[in-house]
Amino acid sequence: MLPCYCPGCTCQLNVKSLKCTCCGTEVTGNYTLPALLRLSAEEQEFVLSFVKQSGSLKEMANQLKLSYPTVRNRLNDVIEKIKAYEK
């Protein structure tokens, strides 16, 4: 899993460089991580499952063995985090 927050001060980390494993080309700069990558591993897994279930909260609730309102609340939390990251 890609680290997103500084272990020293918990500020958000940025990407400094990307390197091609085939030809060795390297791109350097100061790049902000996309909103989805800033989510926790658990939240990313939730979003991935949501997409795989075609956005069905009912199916998500069945898969996670949680109530529909609990799954809805989790989705709302993820949505709010993404909106905050996009600002």
PDB file of N, CA and C in Angstrom:
ATOM      1  N   MET A   1       0.842  -1.183   0.000  1.00  0.00           N
ATOM      2  CA  MET A   1       0.000   0.000   0.000  1.00  0.00           C
ATOM      3  C   MET A   1       0.885   1.244   0.000  1.00  0.00           C
ATOM      4  N   LEU A   2       0.542   2.172  -0.815  1.00  0.00           N
ATOM      5  CA  LEU A   2       1.269   3.426  -0.931  1.00  0.00           C
ATOM      6  C   LEU A   2       1.029   4.278   0.311  1.00  0.00           C
ATOM      7  N   PRO A   3       2.100   4.722   0.984  1.00  0.00           N
ATOM      8  CA  PRO A   3       1.891   5.596   2.145  1.00  0.00           C
ATOM      9  C   PRO A   3       1.360   6.950   1.679  1.00  0.00           C
ATOM     10  N   CYS A   4       0.368   7.482   2.381  1.00  0.00           N
ATOM     11  CA  CYS A   4      -0.246   8.749   1.994  1.00  0.00           C
ATOM     12  C   CYS A   4       0.011   9.859   2.997  1.00  0.00           C
ATOM     13  N   TYR A   5       0.406   9.485   4.219  1.00  0.00           N
ATOM     14  CA  TYR A   5       0.607  10.472   5.272  1.00  0.00           C
ATOM     15  C   TYR A   5       1.976  10.302   5.917  1.00  0.00           C
ATOM     16  N   CYS A   6       2.594  11.407   6.288  1.00  0.00           N
ATOM     17  CA  CYS A   6       3.911  11.410   6.907  1.00  0.00           C
ATOM     18  C   CYS A   6       3.858  10.704   8.256  1.00  0.00           C
ATOM     19  N   PRO A   7       4.757   9.747   8.487  1.00  0.00           N
ATOM     20  CA  PRO A   7       4.766   9.058   9.782  1.00  0.00           C
ATOM     21  C   PRO A   7       5.249   9.965  10.917  1.00  0.00           C
ATOM     22  N   GLY A   8       5.917  11.069  10.573  1.00  0.00           N
ATOM     23  CA  GLY A   8       6.425  11.977  11.598  1.00  0.00           C
ATOM     24  C   GLY A   8       5.405  12.995  12.072  1.00  0.00           C
ATOM     25  N   CYS A   9       4.688  13.599  11.121  1.00  0.00           N
ATOM     26  CA  CYS A   9       3.766  14.680  11.496  1.00  0.00           C
ATOM     27  C   CYS A   9       2.341  14.470  11.002  1.00  0.00           C
ATOM     28  N   THR A  10       2.079  13.404  10.271  1.00  0.00           N
ATOM     29  CA  THR A  10       0.772  13.022   9.715  1.00  0.00           C
ATOM     30  C   THR A  10       0.261  13.935   8.602  1.00  0.00           C
ATOM     31  N   CYS A  11       1.101  14.844   8.084  1.00  0.00           N
ATOM     32  CA  CYS A  11       0.690  15.647   6.932  1.00  0.00           C
ATOM     33  C   CYS A  11       0.636  14.757   5.694  1.00  0.00           C
ATOM     34  N   GLN A  12      -0.131  15.198   4.709  1.00  0.00           N
ATOM     35  CA  GLN A  12      -0.257  14.441   3.465  1.00  0.00           C
ATOM     36  C   GLN A  12       1.060  14.423   2.706  1.00  0.00           C
ATOM     37  N   LEU A  13       1.428  13.253   2.207  1.00  0.00           N
ATOM     38  CA  LEU A  13       2.618  13.115   1.374  1.00  0.00           C
ATOM     39  C   LEU A  13       2.265  13.394  -0.082  1.00  0.00           C
ATOM     40  N   ASN A  14       3.233  13.886  -0.845  1.00  0.00           N
ATOM     41  CA  ASN A  14       3.097  14.061  -2.280  1.00  0.00           C
ATOM     42  C   ASN A  14       4.040  13.087  -2.967  1.00  0.00           C
ATOM     43  N   VAL A  15       3.787  12.841  -4.239  1.00  0.00           N
ATOM     44  CA  VAL A  15       4.649  11.969  -5.024  1.00  0.00           C
ATOM     45  C   VAL A  15       5.775  12.817  -5.588  1.00  0.00           C
ATOM     46  N   LYS A  16       7.018  12.339  -5.441  1.00  0.00           N
ATOM     47  CA  LYS A  16       8.175  13.074  -5.947  1.00  0.00           C
ATOM     48  C   LYS A  16       8.600  12.575  -7.328  1.00  0.00           C
ATOM     49  N   SER A  17       8.533  11.255  -7.552  1.00  0.00           N
ATOM     50  CA  SER A  17       8.946  10.748  -8.856  1.00  0.00           C
ATOM     51  C   SER A  17       8.210   9.453  -9.184  1.00  0.00           C
ATOM     52  N   LEU A  18       8.142   9.203 -10.477  1.00  0.00           N
ATOM     53  CA  LEU A  18       7.578   7.965 -11.015  1.00  0.00           C
ATOM     54  C   LEU A  18       8.593   7.403 -11.988  1.00  0.00           C
ATOM     55  N   LYS A  19       8.770   6.076 -11.980  1.00  0.00           N
ATOM     56  CA  LYS A  19       9.782   5.469 -12.837  1.00  0.00           C
ATOM     57  C   LYS A  19       9.194   4.272 -13.580  1.00  0.00           C
ATOM     58  N   CYS A  20       9.475   4.205 -14.864  1.00  0.00           N
ATOM     59  CA  CYS A  20       9.043   3.085 -15.697  1.00  0.00           C
ATOM     60  C   CYS A  20       9.966   1.894 -15.425  1.00  0.00           C
ATOM     61  N   THR A  21       9.388   0.756 -15.089  1.00  0.00           N
ATOM     62  CA  THR A  21      10.196  -0.436 -14.824  1.00  0.00           C
ATOM     63  C   THR A  21      10.683  -1.094 -16.116  1.00  0.00           C
ATOM     64  N   CYS A  22      10.112  -0.708 -17.253  1.00  0.00           N
ATOM     65  CA  CYS A  22      10.543  -1.294 -18.527  1.00  0.00           C
ATOM     66  C   CYS A  22      11.762  -0.593 -19.118  1.00  0.00           C
ATOM     67  N   CYS A  23      11.689   0.728 -19.233  1.00  0.00           N
ATOM     68  CA  CYS A  23      12.769   1.445 -19.912  1.00  0.00           C
ATOM     69  C   CYS A  23      13.596   2.342 -18.994  1.00  0.00           C
ATOM     70  N   GLY A  24      13.141   2.508 -17.750  1.00  0.00           N
ATOM     71  CA  GLY A  24      13.895   3.318 -16.804  1.00  0.00           C
ATOM     72  C   GLY A  24      13.607   4.809 -16.849  1.00  0.00           C
ATOM     73  N   THR A  25      12.718   5.240 -17.729  1.00  0.00           N
ATOM     74  CA  THR A  25      12.363   6.661 -17.772  1.00  0.00           C
ATOM     75  C   THR A  25      11.809   7.071 -16.417  1.00  0.00           C
ATOM     76  N   GLU A  26      12.243   8.240 -15.945  1.00  0.00           N
ATOM     77  CA  GLU A  26      11.791   8.735 -14.650  1.00  0.00           C
ATOM     78  C   GLU A  26      11.234  10.143 -14.812  1.00  0.00           C
ATOM     79  N   VAL A  27      10.094  10.383 -14.186  1.00  0.00           N
ATOM     80  CA  VAL A  27       9.451  11.694 -14.184  1.00  0.00           C
ATOM     81  C   VAL A  27       9.502  12.193 -12.750  1.00  0.00           C
ATOM     82  N   THR A  28      10.053  13.387 -12.557  1.00  0.00           N
ATOM     83  CA  THR A  28      10.134  13.932 -11.204  1.00  0.00           C
ATOM     84  C   THR A  28       9.379  15.250 -11.130  1.00  0.00           C
ATOM     85  N   GLY A  29       8.927  15.558  -9.946  1.00  0.00           N
ATOM     86  CA  GLY A  29       8.173  16.781  -9.701  1.00  0.00           C
ATOM     87  C   GLY A  29       7.573  16.716  -8.310  1.00  0.00           C
ATOM     88  N   ASN A  30       6.528  17.465  -8.101  1.00  0.00           N
ATOM     89  CA  ASN A  30       5.820  17.456  -6.825  1.00  0.00           C
ATOM     90  C   ASN A  30       4.337  17.292  -7.140  1.00  0.00           C
ATOM     91  N   TYR A  31       3.857  16.070  -7.064  1.00  0.00           N
ATOM     92  CA  TYR A  31       2.502  15.744  -7.482  1.00  0.00           C
ATOM     93  C   TYR A  31       1.634  15.360  -6.292  1.00  0.00           C
ATOM     94  N   THR A  32       0.439  15.923  -6.239  1.00  0.00           N
ATOM     95  CA  THR A  32      -0.533  15.582  -5.200  1.00  0.00           C
ATOM     96  C   THR A  32      -1.186  14.255  -5.557  1.00  0.00           C
ATOM     97  N   LEU A  33      -1.410  13.419  -4.555  1.00  0.00           N
ATOM     98  CA  LEU A  33      -2.091  12.143  -4.784  1.00  0.00           C
ATOM     99  C   LEU A  33      -3.558  12.388  -5.132  1.00  0.00           C
ATOM    100  N   PRO A  34      -4.128  11.592  -6.037  1.00  0.00           N
ATOM    101  CA  PRO A  34      -5.558  11.698  -6.338  1.00  0.00           C
ATOM    102  C   PRO A  34      -6.390  11.402  -5.086  1.00  0.00           C
ATOM    103  N   ALA A  35      -7.600  11.929  -5.061  1.00  0.00           N
ATOM    104  CA  ALA A  35      -8.480  11.797  -3.894  1.00  0.00           C
ATOM    105  C   ALA A  35      -8.678  10.339  -3.464  1.00  0.00           C
ATOM    106  N   LEU A  36      -8.861   9.429  -4.414  1.00  0.00           N
ATOM    107  CA  LEU A  36      -9.107   8.026  -4.038  1.00  0.00           C
ATOM    108  C   LEU A  36      -7.900   7.400  -3.362  1.00  0.00           C
ATOM    109  N   LEU A  37      -6.699   7.814  -3.734  1.00  0.00           N
ATOM    110  CA  LEU A  37      -5.494   7.264  -3.108  1.00  0.00           C
ATOM    111  C   LEU A  37      -5.269   7.827  -1.709  1.00  0.00           C
ATOM    112  N   ARG A  38      -5.922   8.919  -1.387  1.00  0.00           N
ATOM    113  CA  ARG A  38      -5.778   9.504  -0.049  1.00  0.00           C
ATOM    114  C   ARG A  38      -6.670   8.808   0.975  1.00  0.00           C
ATOM    115  N   LEU A  39      -7.621   8.019   0.500  1.00  0.00           N
ATOM    116  CA  LEU A  39      -8.484   7.266   1.411  1.00  0.00           C
ATOM    117  C   LEU A  39      -7.670   6.183   2.106  1.00  0.00           C
ATOM    118  N   SER A  40      -8.141   5.744   3.256  1.00  0.00           N
ATOM    119  CA  SER A  40      -7.481   4.643   3.954  1.00  0.00           C
ATOM    120  C   SER A  40      -7.636   3.362   3.137  1.00  0.00           C
ATOM    121  N   ALA A  41      -6.832   2.367   3.455  1.00  0.00           N
ATOM    122  CA  ALA A  41      -6.914   1.076   2.747  1.00  0.00           C
ATOM    123  C   ALA A  41      -8.318   0.497   2.870  1.00  0.00           C
ATOM    124  N   GLU A  42      -8.901   0.609   4.035  1.00  0.00           N
ATOM    125  CA  GLU A  42     -10.262   0.084   4.259  1.00  0.00           C
ATOM    126  C   GLU A  42     -11.282   0.839   3.409  1.00  0.00           C
ATOM    127  N   GLU A  43     -11.135   2.147   3.321  1.00  0.00           N
ATOM    128  CA  GLU A  43     -12.060   2.946   2.511  1.00  0.00           C
ATOM    129  C   GLU A  43     -11.875   2.652   1.026  1.00  0.00           C
ATOM    130  N   GLN A  44     -10.635   2.449   0.592  1.00  0.00           N
ATOM    131  CA  GLN A  44     -10.395   2.097  -0.806  1.00  0.00           C
ATOM    132  C   GLN A  44     -11.032   0.754  -1.134  1.00  0.00           C
ATOM    133  N   GLU A  45     -10.909  -0.191  -0.224  1.00  0.00           N
ATOM    134  CA  GLU A  45     -11.519  -1.515  -0.421  1.00  0.00           C
ATOM    135  C   GLU A  45     -13.038  -1.394  -0.499  1.00  0.00           C
ATOM    136  N   PHE A  46     -13.616  -0.530   0.325  1.00  0.00           N
ATOM    137  CA  PHE A  46     -15.062  -0.290   0.302  1.00  0.00           C
ATOM    138  C   PHE A  46     -15.484   0.251  -1.063  1.00  0.00           C
ATOM    139  N   VAL A  47     -14.756   1.246  -1.572  1.00  0.00           N
ATOM    140  CA  VAL A  47     -15.080   1.826  -2.878  1.00  0.00           C
ATOM    141  C   VAL A  47     -14.949   0.771  -3.977  1.00  0.00           C
ATOM    142  N   LEU A  48     -13.904  -0.036  -3.925  1.00  0.00           N
ATOM    143  CA  LEU A  48     -13.710  -1.092  -4.912  1.00  0.00           C
ATOM    144  C   LEU A  48     -14.871  -2.090  -4.882  1.00  0.00           C
ATOM    145  N   SER A  49     -15.268  -2.494  -3.706  1.00  0.00           N
ATOM    146  CA  SER A  49     -16.401  -3.422  -3.569  1.00  0.00           C
ATOM    147  C   SER A  49     -17.689  -2.787  -4.086  1.00  0.00           C
ATOM    148  N   PHE A  50     -17.871  -1.508  -3.779  1.00  0.00           N
ATOM    149  CA  PHE A  50     -19.061  -0.784  -4.231  1.00  0.00           C
ATOM    150  C   PHE A  50     -19.148  -0.793  -5.751  1.00  0.00           C
ATOM    151  N   VAL A  51     -18.027  -0.539  -6.410  1.00  0.00           N
ATOM    152  CA  VAL A  51     -18.002  -0.549  -7.876  1.00  0.00           C
ATOM    153  C   VAL A  51     -18.284  -1.958  -8.393  1.00  0.00           C
ATOM    154  N   LYS A  52     -17.666  -2.971  -7.781  1.00  0.00           N
ATOM    155  CA  LYS A  52     -17.881  -4.357  -8.216  1.00  0.00           C
ATOM    156  C   LYS A  52     -19.332  -4.791  -8.047  1.00  0.00           C
ATOM    157  N   GLN A  53     -20.021  -4.198  -7.075  1.00  0.00           N
ATOM    158  CA  GLN A  53     -21.434  -4.517  -6.844  1.00  0.00           C
ATOM    159  C   GLN A  53     -22.352  -3.596  -7.657  1.00  0.00           C
ATOM    160  N   SER A  54     -21.794  -2.927  -8.653  1.00  0.00           N
ATOM    161  CA  SER A  54     -22.530  -2.011  -9.535  1.00  0.00           C
ATOM    162  C   SER A  54     -23.248  -0.912  -8.762  1.00  0.00           C
ATOM    163  N   GLY A  55     -22.659  -0.500  -7.653  1.00  0.00           N
ATOM    164  CA  GLY A  55     -23.239   0.585  -6.872  1.00  0.00           C
ATOM    165  C   GLY A  55     -24.456   0.195  -6.058  1.00  0.00           C
ATOM    166  N   SER A  56     -24.668  -1.093  -5.850  1.00  0.00           N
ATOM    167  CA  SER A  56     -25.831  -1.558  -5.090  1.00  0.00           C
ATOM    168  C   SER A  56     -25.504  -1.603  -3.604  1.00  0.00           C
ATOM    169  N   LEU A  57     -26.111  -0.689  -2.847  1.00  0.00           N
ATOM    170  CA  LEU A  57     -25.910  -0.693  -1.398  1.00  0.00           C
ATOM    171  C   LEU A  57     -26.523  -1.938  -0.763  1.00  0.00           C
ATOM    172  N   LYS A  58     -27.590  -2.433  -1.354  1.00  0.00           N
ATOM    173  CA  LYS A  58     -28.222  -3.661  -0.843  1.00  0.00           C
ATOM    174  C   LYS A  58     -27.237  -4.830  -0.948  1.00  0.00           C
ATOM    175  N   GLU A  59     -26.569  -4.961  -2.103  1.00  0.00           N
ATOM    176  CA  GLU A  59     -25.591  -6.032  -2.280  1.00  0.00           C
ATOM    177  C   GLU A  59     -24.380  -5.834  -1.370  1.00  0.00           C
ATOM    178  N   MET A  60     -23.975  -4.574  -1.194  1.00  0.00           N
ATOM    179  CA  MET A  60     -22.865  -4.281  -0.283  1.00  0.00           C
ATOM    180  C   MET A  60     -23.213  -4.707   1.135  1.00  0.00           C
ATOM    181  N   ALA A  61     -24.427  -4.404   1.564  1.00  0.00           N
ATOM    182  CA  ALA A  61     -24.863  -4.775   2.907  1.00  0.00           C
ATOM    183  C   ALA A  61     -24.827  -6.287   3.076  1.00  0.00           C
ATOM    184  N   ASN A  62     -25.295  -7.007   2.063  1.00  0.00           N
ATOM    185  CA  ASN A  62     -25.262  -8.477   2.123  1.00  0.00           C
ATOM    186  C   ASN A  62     -23.828  -8.987   2.176  1.00  0.00           C
ATOM    187  N   GLN A  63     -22.961  -8.444   1.341  1.00  0.00           N
ATOM    188  CA  GLN A  63     -21.568  -8.881   1.273  1.00  0.00           C
ATOM    189  C   GLN A  63     -20.845  -8.619   2.595  1.00  0.00           C
ATOM    190  N   LEU A  64     -21.068  -7.445   3.164  1.00  0.00           N
ATOM    191  CA  LEU A  64     -20.374  -7.057   4.391  1.00  0.00           C
ATOM    192  C   LEU A  64     -21.078  -7.535   5.661  1.00  0.00           C
ATOM    193  N   LYS A  65     -22.283  -8.112   5.476  1.00  0.00           N
ATOM    194  CA  LYS A  65     -23.095  -8.570   6.604  1.00  0.00           C
ATOM    195  C   LYS A  65     -23.372  -7.417   7.580  1.00  0.00           C
ATOM    196  N   LEU A  66     -23.752  -6.290   6.979  1.00  0.00           N
ATOM    197  CA  LEU A  66     -24.102  -5.098   7.744  1.00  0.00           C
ATOM    198  C   LEU A  66     -25.488  -4.629   7.311  1.00  0.00           C
ATOM    199  N   SER A  67     -26.083  -3.759   8.098  1.00  0.00           N
ATOM    200  CA  SER A  67     -27.384  -3.221   7.723  1.00  0.00           C
ATOM    201  C   SER A  67     -27.222  -2.211   6.588  1.00  0.00           C
ATOM    202  N   TYR A  68     -28.285  -2.032   5.838  1.00  0.00           N
ATOM    203  CA  TYR A  68     -28.286  -1.060   4.747  1.00  0.00           C
ATOM    204  C   TYR A  68     -27.925   0.336   5.254  1.00  0.00           C
ATOM    205  N   PRO A  69     -28.545   0.812   6.370  1.00  0.00           N
ATOM    206  CA  PRO A  69     -28.189   2.157   6.860  1.00  0.00           C
ATOM    207  C   PRO A  69     -26.706   2.290   7.242  1.00  0.00           C
ATOM    208  N   THR A  70     -26.108   1.240   7.775  1.00  0.00           N
ATOM    209  CA  THR A  70     -24.689   1.283   8.133  1.00  0.00           C
ATOM    210  C   THR A  70     -23.832   1.443   6.884  1.00  0.00           C
ATOM    211  N   VAL A  71     -24.163   0.699   5.844  1.00  0.00           N
ATOM    212  CA  VAL A  71     -23.422   0.795   4.581  1.00  0.00           C
ATOM    213  C   VAL A  71     -23.626   2.178   3.960  1.00  0.00           C
ATOM    214  N   ARG A  72     -24.852   2.679   4.028  1.00  0.00           N
ATOM    215  CA  ARG A  72     -25.145   4.015   3.498  1.00  0.00           C
ATOM    216  C   ARG A  72     -24.311   5.068   4.226  1.00  0.00           C
ATOM    217  N   ASN A  73     -24.206   4.939   5.547  1.00  0.00           N
ATOM    218  CA  ASN A  73     -23.414   5.879   6.343  1.00  0.00           C
ATOM    219  C   ASN A  73     -21.930   5.807   5.975  1.00  0.00           C
ATOM    220  N   ARG A  74     -21.435   4.600   5.764  1.00  0.00           N
ATOM    221  CA  ARG A  74     -20.028   4.456   5.349  1.00  0.00           C
ATOM    222  C   ARG A  74     -19.785   5.136   4.014  1.00  0.00           C
ATOM    223  N   LEU A  75     -20.715   4.938   3.080  1.00  0.00           N
ATOM    224  CA  LEU A  75     -20.582   5.574   1.774  1.00  0.00           C
ATOM    225  C   LEU A  75     -20.621   7.090   1.920  1.00  0.00           C
ATOM    226  N   ASN A  76     -21.525   7.598   2.738  1.00  0.00           N
ATOM    227  CA  ASN A  76     -21.607   9.041   2.962  1.00  0.00           C
ATOM    228  C   ASN A  76     -20.291   9.580   3.530  1.00  0.00           C
ATOM    229  N   ASP A  77     -19.684   8.838   4.451  1.00  0.00           N
ATOM    230  CA  ASP A  77     -18.400   9.255   5.029  1.00  0.00           C
ATOM    231  C   ASP A  77     -17.310   9.328   3.960  1.00  0.00           C
ATOM    232  N   VAL A  78     -17.267   8.327   3.099  1.00  0.00           N
ATOM    233  CA  VAL A  78     -16.274   8.309   2.021  1.00  0.00           C
ATOM    234  C   VAL A  78     -16.520   9.466   1.061  1.00  0.00           C
ATOM    235  N   ILE A  79     -17.767   9.713   0.731  1.00  0.00           N
ATOM    236  CA  ILE A  79     -18.113  10.823  -0.166  1.00  0.00           C
ATOM    237  C   ILE A  79     -17.648  12.150   0.424  1.00  0.00           C
ATOM    238  N   GLU A  80     -17.884  12.356   1.714  1.00  0.00           N
ATOM    239  CA  GLU A  80     -17.472  13.599   2.362  1.00  0.00           C
ATOM    240  C   GLU A  80     -15.948  13.761   2.365  1.00  0.00           C
ATOM    241  N   LYS A  81     -15.242  12.674   2.592  1.00  0.00           N
ATOM    242  CA  LYS A  81     -13.771  12.737   2.554  1.00  0.00           C
ATOM    243  C   LYS A  81     -13.284  13.104   1.162  1.00  0.00           C
ATOM    244  N   ILE A  82     -13.856  12.478   0.138  1.00  0.00           N
ATOM    245  CA  ILE A  82     -13.450  12.764  -1.236  1.00  0.00           C
ATOM    246  C   ILE A  82     -13.723  14.224  -1.572  1.00  0.00           C
ATOM    247  N   LYS A  83     -14.872  14.733  -1.176  1.00  0.00           N
ATOM    248  CA  LYS A  83     -15.199  16.150  -1.436  1.00  0.00           C
ATOM    249  C   LYS A  83     -14.192  17.064  -0.757  1.00  0.00           C
ATOM    250  N   ALA A  84     -13.823  16.744   0.478  1.00  0.00           N
ATOM    251  CA  ALA A  84     -12.841  17.551   1.206  1.00  0.00           C
ATOM    252  C   ALA A  84     -11.482  17.506   0.528  1.00  0.00           C
ATOM    253  N   TYR A  85     -11.071  16.329   0.037  1.00  0.00           N
ATOM    254  CA  TYR A  85      -9.789  16.200  -0.641  1.00  0.00           C
ATOM    255  C   TYR A  85      -9.754  16.973  -1.953  1.00  0.00           C
ATOM    256  N   GLU A  86     -10.886  17.085  -2.604  1.00  0.00           N
ATOM    257  CA  GLU A  86     -10.945  17.771  -3.891  1.00  0.00           C
ATOM    258  C   GLU A  86     -10.904  19.289  -3.756  1.00  0.00           C
ATOM    259  N   LYS A  87     -11.090  19.800  -2.555  1.00  0.00           N
ATOM    260  CA  LYS A  87     -11.057  21.265  -2.338  1.00  0.00           C
ATOM    261  C   LYS A  87      -9.654  21.788  -2.303  1.00  0.00           C
TER     262      LYS A  87
END
